[in-house]
C-alpha atoms as a PDB file:
ATOM      1  CA  MET A   1       0.118   0.038   0.063  1.00  0.00           C
ATOM      2  CA  GLU A   2       1.573   3.706  -1.216  1.00  0.00           C
ATOM      3  CA  GLU A   3       2.063   6.313   1.467  1.00  0.00           C
ATOM      4  CA  LYS A   4      -1.036   8.537  -0.034  1.00  0.00           C
ATOM      5  CA  ASP A   5      -3.478   5.386   1.066  1.00  0.00           C
ATOM      6  CA  VAL A   6      -1.759   4.626   4.786  1.00  0.00           C
ATOM      7  CA  LEU A   7      -2.090   8.549   5.615  1.00  0.00           C
ATOM      8  CA  ASN A   8      -6.094   8.944   3.014  1.00  0.00           C
ATOM      9  CA  ASN A   9      -6.672   6.056   5.556  1.00  0.00           C
ATOM     10  CA  VAL A  10      -5.827   7.396   8.591  1.00  0.00           C
ATOM     11  CA  LEU A  11      -7.289  10.794   7.949  1.00  0.00           C
ATOM     12  CA  SER A  12     -10.674   9.137   6.897  1.00  0.00           C
ATOM     13  CA  LEU A  13     -10.556   7.287  10.437  1.00  0.00           C
ATOM     14  CA  THR A  14      -9.374  10.441  12.184  1.00  0.00           C
ATOM     15  CA  LYS A  15     -12.579  12.703  10.851  1.00  0.00           C
ATOM     16  CA  ASN A  16     -14.802   9.641  11.705  1.00  0.00           C
ATOM     17  CA  MET A  17     -12.967   9.826  14.911  1.00  0.00           C
ATOM     18  CA  CYS A  18     -14.290  13.135  15.323  1.00  0.00           C
ATOM     19  CA  GLU A  19     -17.544  12.894  14.245  1.00  0.00           C
ATOM     20  CA  ILE A  20     -18.182  10.513  17.067  1.00  0.00           C
ATOM     21  CA  LEU A  21     -16.229  12.600  19.874  1.00  0.00           C
ATOM     22  CA  PHE A  22     -18.186  15.190  18.341  1.00  0.00           C
ATOM     23  CA  HIS A  23     -21.991  13.403  19.501  1.00  0.00           C
ATOM     24  CA  GLY A  24     -20.345  11.839  22.274  1.00  0.00           C
ATOM     25  CA  ASN A  25     -20.246  15.500  23.180  1.00  0.00           C
ATOM     26  CA  ILE A  26     -23.316  16.631  22.891  1.00  0.00           C
ATOM     27  CA  GLU A  27     -25.598  13.565  24.579  1.00  0.00           C
ATOM     28  CA  SER A  28     -24.101  13.757  27.702  1.00  0.00           C
ATOM     29  CA  SER A  29     -25.258  13.326  30.557  1.00  0.00           C
ATOM     30  CA  ASN A  30     -23.072  15.102  32.680  1.00  0.00           C
ATOM     31  CA  LYS A  31     -20.365  18.053  32.586  1.00  0.00           C
ATOM     32  CA  THR A  32     -18.044  15.582  33.683  1.00  0.00           C
ATOM     33  CA  VAL A  33     -18.718  13.068  30.827  1.00  0.00           C
ATOM     34  CA  GLU A  34     -18.710  16.700  28.817  1.00  0.00           C
ATOM     35  CA  LYS A  35     -15.800  17.947  29.249  1.00  0.00           C
ATOM     36  CA  VAL A  36     -13.711  14.437  28.898  1.00  0.00           C
ATOM     37  CA  PHE A  37     -15.515  13.944  24.733  1.00  0.00           C
ATOM     38  CA  ASN A  38     -14.398  18.009  24.253  1.00  0.00           C
ATOM     39  CA  ASN A  39     -10.806  17.024  25.122  1.00  0.00           C
ATOM     40  CA  ALA A  40     -10.938  14.104  23.534  1.00  0.00           C
ATOM     41  CA  LEU A  41     -12.184  16.054  20.217  1.00  0.00           C
ATOM     42  CA  ASN A  42      -9.876  18.942  20.487  1.00  0.00           C
ATOM     43  CA  ASP A  43      -6.917  16.272  20.231  1.00  0.00           C
ATOM     44  CA  TYR A  44      -8.756  14.110  17.357  1.00  0.00           C
ATOM     45  CA  LEU A  45      -9.005  17.695  15.499  1.00  0.00           C
ATOM     46  CA  THR A  46      -5.453  18.338  16.375  1.00  0.00           C
ATOM     47  CA  LEU A  47      -4.462  15.609  14.927  1.00  0.00           C
ATOM     48  CA  GLN A  48      -7.254  15.335  11.735  1.00  0.00           C
ATOM     49  CA  LYS A  49      -5.510  18.878  10.831  1.00  0.00           C
ATOM     50  CA  GLU A  50      -1.955  18.044  11.109  1.00  0.00           C
ATOM     51  CA  ILE A  51      -2.418  14.729   8.863  1.00  0.00           C
ATOM     52  CA  PHE A  52      -4.401  17.294   6.354  1.00  0.00           C
ATOM     53  CA  ASN A  53      -1.418  19.483   6.056  1.00  0.00           C
ATOM     54  CA  LEU A  54       1.059  16.404   6.064  1.00  0.00           C
ATOM     55  CA  MET A  55      -0.602  15.299   2.794  1.00  0.00           C
ATOM     56  CA  LYS A  56      -0.898  18.726   1.405  1.00  0.00           C
ATOM     57  CA  GLU A  57       2.775  19.213   2.124  1.00  0.00           C
ATOM     58  CA  LYS A  58       3.676  16.233  -0.089  1.00  0.00           C
ATOM     59  CA  GLU A  59       1.109  17.189  -1.783  1.00  0.00           C
ATOM     60  CA  TYR A  60      -0.938  14.275  -1.425  1.00  0.00           C
ATOM     61  CA  TYR A  61      -3.993  16.356  -1.186  1.00  0.00           C
ATOM     62  CA  THR A  62      -4.192  19.521  -2.896  1.00  0.00           C
ATOM     63  CA  LEU A  63      -6.636  22.387  -2.781  1.00  0.00           C
ATOM     64  CA  GLU A  64      -8.152  24.873  -5.727  1.00  0.00           C
ATOM     65  CA  GLU A  65      -7.348  28.512  -5.852  1.00  0.00           C
ATOM     66  CA  VAL A  66     -10.664  30.578  -5.388  1.00  0.00           C
ATOM     67  CA  ASN A  67     -10.649  34.092  -6.280  1.00  0.00           C
ATOM     68  CA  GLU A  68     -12.719  36.382  -3.214  1.00  0.00           C
ATOM     69  CA  SER A  69     -16.138  37.446  -5.875  1.00  0.00           C
ATOM     70  CA  LYS A  70     -16.555  34.262  -5.786  1.00  0.00           C
ATOM     71  CA  ILE A  71     -16.291  33.335  -2.224  1.00  0.00           C
ATOM     72  CA  GLU A  72     -18.442  36.737  -1.828  1.00  0.00           C
ATOM     73  CA  LYS A  73     -21.456  34.897  -3.795  1.00  0.00           C
ATOM     74  CA  THR A  74     -21.040  32.365  -1.549  1.00  0.00           C
ATOM     75  CA  ARG A  75     -21.222  33.758   1.184  1.00  0.00           C
ATOM     76  CA  LEU A  76     -24.154  35.805   0.386  1.00  0.00           C
ATOM     77  CA  LYS A  77     -26.466  32.608  -0.993  1.00  0.00           C
ATOM     78  CA  HIS A  78     -25.822  31.352   2.100  1.00  0.00           C
ATOM     79  CA  GLU A  79     -25.445  34.805   3.962  1.00  0.00           C
ATOM     80  CA  ASN A  80     -29.306  34.647   4.809  1.00  0.00           C
ATOM     81  CA  THR A  81     -30.769  30.767   5.805  1.00  0.00           C
ATOM     82  CA  ASN A  82     -30.854  31.663   9.394  1.00  0.00           C
ATOM     83  CA  LEU A  83     -28.869  29.256  10.973  1.00  0.00           C
ATOM     84  CA  CYS A  84     -27.518  31.152  13.933  1.00  0.00           C
END
């Protein structure tokens, strides 16, 4: 198995773990349990970012350059979704 495949799998597993810990956090029955989930979630989010940055550095994961007008158009499109 290629290094890229291994890192891709590790990144996917880490993202899945973040999702599990997030749900554990929001569904916690008490503050102590919530804190444990929250701390673990923060650790996994940091790990996920480190894996992503490594993959980007090795050019396994490339980002598309987007101009400001496209960003602004997307922001305006979603601005009135009333999520908050």
